[in-house]
C-alpha atoms as a PDB file:
ATOM      1  CA  MET A   1     123.527 120.280  31.993  1.00  0.00           C
ATOM      2  CA  LYS A   2     122.591 123.727  33.005  1.00  0.00           C
ATOM      3  CA  TRP A   3     123.793 123.373  36.594  1.00  0.00           C
ATOM      4  CA  LEU A   4     127.167 121.929  35.399  1.00  0.00           C
ATOM      5  CA  PHE A   5     127.707 125.100  33.323  1.00  0.00           C
ATOM      6  CA  ALA A   6     127.029 127.392  36.200  1.00  0.00           C
ATOM      7  CA  PHE A   7     129.375 125.355  38.149  1.00  0.00           C
ATOM      8  CA  LEU A   8     132.255 125.685  35.623  1.00  0.00           C
ATOM      9  CA  MET A   9     131.591 129.424  35.268  1.00  0.00           C
ATOM     10  CA  VAL A  10     132.041 129.926  39.002  1.00  0.00           C
ATOM     11  CA  PHE A  11     135.246 127.815  39.170  1.00  0.00           C
ATOM     12  CA  LEU A  12     136.984 129.620  36.150  1.00  0.00           C
ATOM     13  CA  ILE A  13     136.028 132.905  37.581  1.00  0.00           C
ATOM     14  CA  ALA A  14     137.100 132.245  41.077  1.00  0.00           C
ATOM     15  CA  CYS A  15     140.550 130.874  39.893  1.00  0.00           C
ATOM     16  CA  SER A  16     141.965 134.166  38.572  1.00  0.00           C
ATOM     17  CA  SER A  17     145.694 134.774  37.710  1.00  0.00           C
ATOM     18  CA  SER A  18     146.094 136.499  41.198  1.00  0.00           C
ATOM     19  CA  ASN A  19     144.975 133.363  42.844  1.00  0.00           C
ATOM     20  CA  GLU A  20     142.374 135.334  44.737  1.00  0.00           C
ATOM     21  CA  ILE A  21     139.045 133.922  45.524  1.00  0.00           C
ATOM     22  CA  VAL A  22     136.522 136.238  44.254  1.00  0.00           C
ATOM     23  CA  ALA A  23     132.889 136.080  45.397  1.00  0.00           C
ATOM     24  CA  GLN A  24     130.485 135.947  42.389  1.00  0.00           C
ATOM     25  CA  LYS A  25     126.820 136.104  42.138  1.00  0.00           C
ATOM     26  CA  ILE A  26     125.488 132.837  40.853  1.00  0.00           C
ATOM     27  CA  THR A  27     122.790 133.372  38.299  1.00  0.00           C
ATOM     28  CA  GLY A  28     120.403 130.783  36.979  1.00  0.00           C
ATOM     29  CA  ASP A  29     119.358 128.092  39.535  1.00  0.00           C
ATOM     30  CA  THR A  30     119.134 129.658  42.930  1.00  0.00           C
ATOM     31  CA  VAL A  31     120.571 127.863  45.906  1.00  0.00           C
ATOM     32  CA  VAL A  32     118.565 128.331  48.840  1.00  0.00           C
ATOM     33  CA  ASN A  33     120.112 128.247  52.344  1.00  0.00           C
ATOM     34  CA  VAL A  34     117.664 126.747  54.714  1.00  0.00           C
ATOM     35  CA  ASP A  35     117.770 128.102  58.373  1.00  0.00           C
ATOM     36  CA  ASN A  36     117.540 124.950  60.883  1.00  0.00           C
ATOM     37  CA  LYS A  37     115.927 127.413  63.324  1.00  0.00           C
ATOM     38  CA  ASP A  38     112.511 126.609  61.978  1.00  0.00           C
ATOM     39  CA  PHE A  39     112.885 122.939  62.466  1.00  0.00           C
ATOM     40  CA  VAL A  40     114.310 123.436  66.041  1.00  0.00           C
ATOM     41  CA  ASP A  41     111.190 125.639  66.936  1.00  0.00           C
ATOM     42  CA  GLU A  42     108.881 123.000  65.570  1.00  0.00           C
ATOM     43  CA  GLU A  43     110.484 120.279  67.653  1.00  0.00           C
ATOM     44  CA  LYS A  44     110.133 122.449  70.713  1.00  0.00           C
ATOM     45  CA  SER A  45     106.511 123.373  70.090  1.00  0.00           C
ATOM     46  CA  CYS A  46     103.977 122.551  72.822  1.00  0.00           C
ATOM     47  CA  ASP A  47     100.996 122.398  70.337  1.00  0.00           C
ATOM     48  CA  LYS A  48     100.858 118.548  70.149  1.00  0.00           C
ATOM     49  CA  VAL A  49     102.135 117.976  73.790  1.00  0.00           C
ATOM     50  CA  ILE A  50      99.826 116.979  76.405  1.00  0.00           C
ATOM     51  CA  CYS A  51     100.952 117.254  79.973  1.00  0.00           C
ATOM     52  CA  THR A  52      99.210 115.504  83.062  1.00  0.00           C
ATOM     53  CA  ASN A  53      99.576 115.241  86.720  1.00  0.00           C
ATOM     54  CA  GLY A  54     100.300 118.923  87.284  1.00  0.00           C
ATOM     55  CA  TYR A  55     103.083 119.154  84.748  1.00  0.00           C
ATOM     56  CA  ILE A  56     103.192 121.921  82.119  1.00  0.00           C
ATOM     57  CA  CYS A  57     104.784 122.087  78.693  1.00  0.00           C
ATOM     58  CA  GLU A  58     107.868 124.211  78.031  1.00  0.00           C
ATOM     59  CA  GLU A  59     109.756 123.989  74.743  1.00  0.00           C
ATOM     60  CA  GLY A  60     108.142 120.714  73.964  1.00  0.00           C
ATOM     61  CA  GLU A  61     108.841 119.004  77.285  1.00  0.00           C
ATOM     62  CA  CYS A  62     106.675 118.446  80.423  1.00  0.00           C
ATOM     63  CA  VAL A  63     108.257 120.159  83.273  1.00  0.00           C
ATOM     64  CA  CYS A  64     107.380 120.582  86.954  1.00  0.00           C
ATOM     65  CA  LYS A  65     107.223 124.053  88.247  1.00  0.00           C
ATOM     66  CA  GLY A  66     106.782 122.775  91.936  1.00  0.00           C
ATOM     67  CA  GLN A  67     107.804 119.714  93.647  1.00  0.00           C
ATOM     68  CA  VAL A  68     107.461 116.134  92.376  1.00  0.00           C
ATOM     69  CA  CYS A  69     105.489 113.761  94.790  1.00  0.00           C
ATOM     70  CA  ALA A  70     105.441 110.259  93.610  1.00  0.00           C
ATOM     71  CA  ASP A  71     104.427 110.826  89.955  1.00  0.00           C
ATOM     72  CA  LYS A  72     102.446 114.044  90.464  1.00  0.00           C
ATOM     73  CA  CYS A  73     103.671 117.679  90.332  1.00  0.00           C
ATOM     74  CA  ILE A  74     102.319 119.800  93.067  1.00  0.00           C
ATOM     75  CA  LEU A  75     102.701 123.625  93.127  1.00  0.00           C
ATOM     76  CA  SER A  76     102.063 123.863  96.863  1.00  0.00           C
ATOM     77  CA  GLY A  77     101.109 121.660  99.712  1.00  0.00           C
ATOM     78  CA  CYS A  78     102.780 118.566 101.119  1.00  0.00           C
ATOM     79  CA  CYS A  79     104.098 115.297  99.795  1.00  0.00           C
ATOM     80  CA  GLU A  80     104.549 113.503 103.228  1.00  0.00           C
ATOM     81  CA  ASP A  81     103.951 113.969 106.728  1.00  0.00           C
ATOM     82  CA  ASP A  82     107.318 115.393 107.497  1.00  0.00           C
ATOM     83  CA  ASP A  83     106.295 118.517 105.267  1.00  0.00           C
ATOM     84  CA  CYS A  84     103.633 119.369 107.770  1.00  0.00           C
ATOM     85  CA  GLU A  85     103.391 120.500 111.449  1.00  0.00           C
ATOM     86  CA  SER A  86     103.975 117.917 114.182  1.00  0.00           C
ATOM     87  CA  ASN A  87     100.224 117.818 114.921  1.00  0.00           C
ATOM     88  CA  GLU A  88      99.140 117.509 111.296  1.00  0.00           C
ATOM     89  CA  HIS A  89      99.110 114.781 108.511  1.00  0.00           C
ATOM     90  CA  CYS A  90      99.621 115.019 104.744  1.00  0.00           C
ATOM     91  CA  LEU A  91      96.315 113.939 103.140  1.00  0.00           C
ATOM     92  CA  ASP A  92      95.697 114.470  99.413  1.00  0.00           C
ATOM     93  CA  PHE A  93      98.622 116.738  99.275  1.00  0.00           C
ATOM     94  CA  LYS A  94      97.271 119.087 102.002  1.00  0.00           C
ATOM     95  CA  CYS A  95      98.328 119.234 105.552  1.00  0.00           C
ATOM     96  CA  THR A  96      95.314 118.683 108.001  1.00  0.00           C
ATOM     97  CA  SER A  97      94.804 118.124 111.492  1.00  0.00           C
ATOM     98  CA  SER A  98      92.161 115.524 110.932  1.00  0.00           C
ATOM     99  CA  GLU A  99      93.079 112.048 111.903  1.00  0.00           C
ATOM    100  CA  ILE A 100      93.987 109.669 109.174  1.00  0.00           C
ATOM    101  CA  CYS A 101      91.446 106.793 109.667  1.00  0.00           C
ATOM    102  CA  GLU A 102      91.654 103.060 108.976  1.00  0.00           C
ATOM    103  CA  TYR A 103      89.798 101.228 106.291  1.00  0.00           C
ATOM    104  CA  HIS A 104      86.049 101.716 106.385  1.00  0.00           C
ATOM    105  CA  GLU A 105      86.427 104.548 109.054  1.00  0.00           C
ATOM    106  CA  ILE A 106      85.677 108.220 108.646  1.00  0.00           C
ATOM    107  CA  PHE A 107      86.793 111.173 110.979  1.00  0.00           C
ATOM    108  CA  ASP A 108      83.946 112.704 113.001  1.00  0.00           C
ATOM    109  CA  GLU A 109      84.718 116.344 113.512  1.00  0.00           C
ATOM    110  CA  GLU A 110      82.215 116.659 116.537  1.00  0.00           C
ATOM    111  CA  GLN A 111      83.580 113.669 118.278  1.00  0.00           C
ATOM    112  CA  GLU A 112      87.193 114.276 117.038  1.00  0.00           C
ATOM    113  CA  LYS A 113      87.855 110.781 116.398  1.00  0.00           C
ATOM    114  CA  CYS A 114      87.557 108.084 113.806  1.00  0.00           C
ATOM    115  CA  ILE A 115      84.280 106.028 113.617  1.00  0.00           C
ATOM    116  CA  CYS A 116      82.881 103.273 111.426  1.00  0.00           C
ATOM    117  CA  GLU A 117      81.334 104.209 108.140  1.00  0.00           C
ATOM    118  CA  GLU A 118      77.512 103.819 107.770  1.00  0.00           C
ATOM    119  CA  SER A 119      76.374 100.079 107.774  1.00  0.00           C
ATOM    120  CA  PHE A 120      79.706  99.053 109.624  1.00  0.00           C
ATOM    121  CA  PHE A 121      80.218  98.369 113.387  1.00  0.00           C
ATOM    122  CA  TYR A 122      83.450  98.429 115.361  1.00  0.00           C
ATOM    123  CA  CYS A 123      84.631  95.022 116.699  1.00  0.00           C
ATOM    124  CA  ASP A 124      86.629  95.296 119.913  1.00  0.00           C
ATOM    125  CA  GLU A 125      88.019  91.861 119.575  1.00  0.00           C
ATOM    126  CA  GLN A 126      89.476  92.280 116.008  1.00  0.00           C
ATOM    127  CA  LYS A 127      90.136  96.063 116.420  1.00  0.00           C
ATOM    128  CA  LYS A 128      88.578  97.004 113.225  1.00  0.00           C
ATOM    129  CA  CYS A 129      85.283  98.053 111.618  1.00  0.00           C
ATOM    130  CA  LEU A 130      83.223  95.269 110.139  1.00  0.00           C
ATOM    131  CA  SER A 131      80.339  95.082 107.717  1.00  0.00           C
ATOM    132  CA  GLY A 132      77.014  94.461 109.114  1.00  0.00           C
ATOM    133  CA  GLY A 133      76.261  90.610 109.313  1.00  0.00           C
ATOM    134  CA  SER A 134      79.936  89.693 109.856  1.00  0.00           C
ATOM    135  CA  CYS A 135      80.823  87.805 112.957  1.00  0.00           C
ATOM    136  CA  CYS A 136      82.924  89.684 115.583  1.00  0.00           C
ATOM    137  CA  HIS A 137      83.635  86.895 118.013  1.00  0.00           C
ATOM    138  CA  GLN A 138      82.800  83.406 118.842  1.00  0.00           C
ATOM    139  CA  GLY A 139      79.667  84.469 120.570  1.00  0.00           C
ATOM    140  CA  ASP A 140      78.065  85.352 117.236  1.00  0.00           C
ATOM    141  CA  CYS A 141      78.398  81.573 116.041  1.00  0.00           C
ATOM    142  CA  ASP A 142      76.718  78.399 117.396  1.00  0.00           C
ATOM    143  CA  ARG A 143      78.372  75.780 119.387  1.00  0.00           C
ATOM    144  CA  TYR A 144      79.282  73.824 116.200  1.00  0.00           C
ATOM    145  CA  SER A 145      80.952  76.645 114.296  1.00  0.00           C
ATOM    146  CA  LYS A 146      83.819  79.207 114.943  1.00  0.00           C
ATOM    147  CA  CYS A 147      84.096  82.820 113.758  1.00  0.00           C
ATOM    148  CA  VAL A 148      86.626  83.200 111.098  1.00  0.00           C
ATOM    149  CA  GLU A 149      88.054  86.868 111.579  1.00  0.00           C
ATOM    150  CA  THR A 150      87.681  89.406 108.747  1.00  0.00           C
ATOM    151  CA  ALA A 151      90.908  90.016 107.035  1.00  0.00           C
ATOM    152  CA  TRP A 152      91.640  92.277 104.041  1.00  0.00           C
ATOM    153  CA  ALA A 153      94.035  91.503 101.156  1.00  0.00           C
ATOM    154  CA  VAL A 154      95.293  93.899  98.436  1.00  0.00           C
ATOM    155  CA  ARG A 155      95.936  92.793  94.881  1.00  0.00           C
ATOM    156  CA  VAL A 156      99.039  94.968  93.736  1.00  0.00           C
ATOM    157  CA  CYS A 157      99.979  94.864  89.936  1.00  0.00           C
ATOM    158  CA  PHE A 158     103.040  95.826  88.104  1.00  0.00           C
ATOM    159  CA  GLN A 159     103.078  96.717  84.212  1.00  0.00           C
ATOM    160  CA  TYR A 160     106.245  96.266  82.238  1.00  0.00           C
ATOM    161  CA  PRO A 161     106.517  96.623  78.270  1.00  0.00           C
ATOM    162  CA  ASN A 162     106.123  92.930  77.706  1.00  0.00           C
ATOM    163  CA  LYS A 163     104.820  91.628  81.005  1.00  0.00           C
ATOM    164  CA  ARG A 164     102.214  92.303  83.790  1.00  0.00           C
ATOM    165  CA  LEU A 165     102.539  90.802  87.155  1.00  0.00           C
ATOM    166  CA  CYS A 166     100.182  90.818  90.115  1.00  0.00           C
ATOM    167  CA  ARG A 167     100.560  89.760  93.768  1.00  0.00           C
ATOM    168  CA  MET A 168      98.020  89.342  96.496  1.00  0.00           C
ATOM    169  CA  LEU A 169      99.342  90.845  99.701  1.00  0.00           C
ATOM    170  CA  LYS A 170      97.262  89.449 102.610  1.00  0.00           C
ATOM    171  CA  ASP A 171      99.309  90.316 105.702  1.00  0.00           C
ATOM    172  CA  LEU A 172     100.493  93.700 107.060  1.00  0.00           C
ATOM    173  CA  ARG A 173     104.163  94.551 107.220  1.00  0.00           C
ATOM    174  CA  ILE A 174     105.362  91.244 105.881  1.00  0.00           C
ATOM    175  CA  ASN A 175     107.951  91.480 103.226  1.00  0.00           C
ATOM    176  CA  GLU A 176     107.354  89.517 100.056  1.00  0.00           C
ATOM    177  CA  ASN A 177     109.527  89.330  96.947  1.00  0.00           C
ATOM    178  CA  ILE A 178     108.389  89.767  93.360  1.00  0.00           C
ATOM    179  CA  VAL A 179     110.547  88.932  90.301  1.00  0.00           C
ATOM    180  CA  THR A 180     110.231  91.214  87.352  1.00  0.00           C
ATOM    181  CA  PRO A 181     111.821  91.772  84.056  1.00  0.00           C
ATOM    182  CA  GLU A 182     113.702  94.696  85.765  1.00  0.00           C
ATOM    183  CA  GLY A 183     115.029  92.563  88.709  1.00  0.00           C
ATOM    184  CA  GLU A 184     113.702  91.392  92.046  1.00  0.00           C
ATOM    185  CA  PHE A 185     112.019  93.638  94.354  1.00  0.00           C
ATOM    186  CA  PHE A 186     110.684  93.376  97.942  1.00  0.00           C
ATOM    187  CA  ILE A 187     107.193  94.662  98.607  1.00  0.00           C
ATOM    188  CA  MET A 188     105.265  95.059 101.903  1.00  0.00           C
ATOM    189  CA  LEU A 189     101.718  96.174 102.631  1.00  0.00           C
ATOM    190  CA  ASP A 190     102.021  98.939 105.340  1.00  0.00           C
ATOM    191  CA  SER A 191      98.414  99.871 105.897  1.00  0.00           C
ATOM    192  CA  ILE A 192      94.876 100.183 104.412  1.00  0.00           C
ATOM    193  CA  LEU A 193      93.381 103.626 105.236  1.00  0.00           C
ATOM    194  CA  SER A 194      90.069 105.272 104.783  1.00  0.00           C
ATOM    195  CA  ASP A 195      88.665 105.774 101.163  1.00  0.00           C
ATOM    196  CA  GLY A 196      90.773 102.714 100.019  1.00  0.00           C
ATOM    197  CA  ILE A 197      94.032 104.475 100.168  1.00  0.00           C
ATOM    198  CA  ILE A 198      97.002 101.832 100.347  1.00  0.00           C
ATOM    199  CA  LYS A 199     100.410 102.331 101.661  1.00  0.00           C
ATOM    200  CA  ILE A 200     102.921 100.015 100.219  1.00  0.00           C
ATOM    201  CA  ASN A 201     106.698  99.880 100.745  1.00  0.00           C
ATOM    202  CA  VAL A 202     108.858  98.676  97.592  1.00  0.00           C
ATOM    203  CA  ASP A 203     112.438  98.164  98.461  1.00  0.00           C
ATOM    204  CA  ASN A 204     112.294 100.740 101.417  1.00  0.00           C
ATOM    205  CA  GLU A 205     110.495 103.420  99.234  1.00  0.00           C
ATOM    206  CA  SER A 206     107.077 104.243 100.554  1.00  0.00           C
ATOM    207  CA  TYR A 207     104.199 104.872  98.211  1.00  0.00           C
ATOM    208  CA  GLU A 208     100.553 105.853  98.790  1.00  0.00           C
ATOM    209  CA  LEU A 209      98.112 104.575  96.299  1.00  0.00           C
ATOM    210  CA  GLU A 210      94.583 105.820  95.694  1.00  0.00           C
ATOM    211  CA  PRO A 211      91.954 103.779  94.002  1.00  0.00           C
ATOM    212  CA  GLU A 212      92.698 103.514  90.085  1.00  0.00           C
ATOM    213  CA  LYS A 213      95.788 105.429  90.592  1.00  0.00           C
ATOM    214  CA  ARG A 214      98.952 104.280  88.759  1.00  0.00           C
ATOM    215  CA  ILE A 215     102.491 105.430  89.791  1.00  0.00           C
ATOM    216  CA  ASN A 216     106.053 104.600  88.893  1.00  0.00           C
ATOM    217  CA  ALA A 217     107.700 101.932  91.133  1.00  0.00           C
ATOM    218  CA  ALA A 218     109.905  98.977  90.740  1.00  0.00           C
ATOM    219  CA  LYS A 219     111.120 100.311  87.375  1.00  0.00           C
ATOM    220  CA  GLY A 220     107.614  99.758  86.118  1.00  0.00           C
ATOM    221  CA  THR A 221     104.123 100.981  86.747  1.00  0.00           C
ATOM    222  CA  MET A 222     102.381  99.954  89.935  1.00  0.00           C
ATOM    223  CA  TRP A 223      98.651 100.139  91.025  1.00  0.00           C
ATOM    224  CA  VAL A 224      96.129  98.414  93.306  1.00  0.00           C
ATOM    225  CA  GLU A 225      93.787  96.468  91.375  1.00  0.00           C
ATOM    226  CA  GLU A 226      91.448  95.322  94.195  1.00  0.00           C
ATOM    227  CA  ILE A 227      91.035  95.018  97.888  1.00  0.00           C
ATOM    228  CA  LYS A 228      89.489  91.563  98.775  1.00  0.00           C
ATOM    229  CA  VAL A 229      87.711  90.514 101.993  1.00  0.00           C
ATOM    230  CA  PHE A 230      88.278  87.298 103.579  1.00  0.00           C
ATOM    231  CA  GLY A 231      86.456  85.666 106.546  1.00  0.00           C
ATOM    232  CA  GLY A 232      83.735  87.399 108.576  1.00  0.00           C
ATOM    233  CA  THR A 233      81.582  84.317 108.672  1.00  0.00           C
ATOM    234  CA  CYS A 234      80.751  81.437 110.980  1.00  0.00           C
ATOM    235  CA  LYS A 235      82.463  78.304 109.722  1.00  0.00           C
ATOM    236  CA  VAL A 236      81.499  74.799 110.852  1.00  0.00           C
ATOM    237  CA  ASP A 237      84.278  73.437 113.038  1.00  0.00           C
ATOM    238  CA  GLU A 238      85.520  70.256 111.513  1.00  0.00           C
ATOM    239  CA  GLU A 239      87.722  69.233 114.472  1.00  0.00           C
END
């Protein structure tokens, strides 16, 4: 009842005969005015915030101080070939004059050209580097079998809150559609480059995926799960 008594005292004193509101000091229980600033500062604290991919924390949020390239923040360098000189390419966010090589190829500085990786050889008929033991042309097989050309396929996966979707892309520059919880999207395999770097087009947006790298695309998370090899062997001709 102590608080009720204090309240009545304040009310009686304030309602004086002059109808003036008089400020009075309240004794007894103290009313503490809490400043909300302490809570705001705590919400904007970076103590428990972990930022990745080049982002830094400011007032509790991850921000990019440079430019956003795919899902990564880079302070300097390039995001695509157009950011470099005409004779350079953008590779790993750096402009380089070295050639971007095809799958299973490396750039030889002395020869100034792309050559096959160790244990691979170049097949003129198929215009690609093949692993040792693979057939390159019909002459590598006997008269009763035929050479099945080597082909590479890329398994692309998309992750959504309640669903995971994957699609095997076997042909270059062929549009395929994928139906997701966020709608229907067209995906296309542009190329497979050295070190397993994949270039994929999703609804006319180009993406460059490194092995085990995940990026935001098609309103979800996209990554390359595997690169699979088909063919490269002599198969008995059943005709």
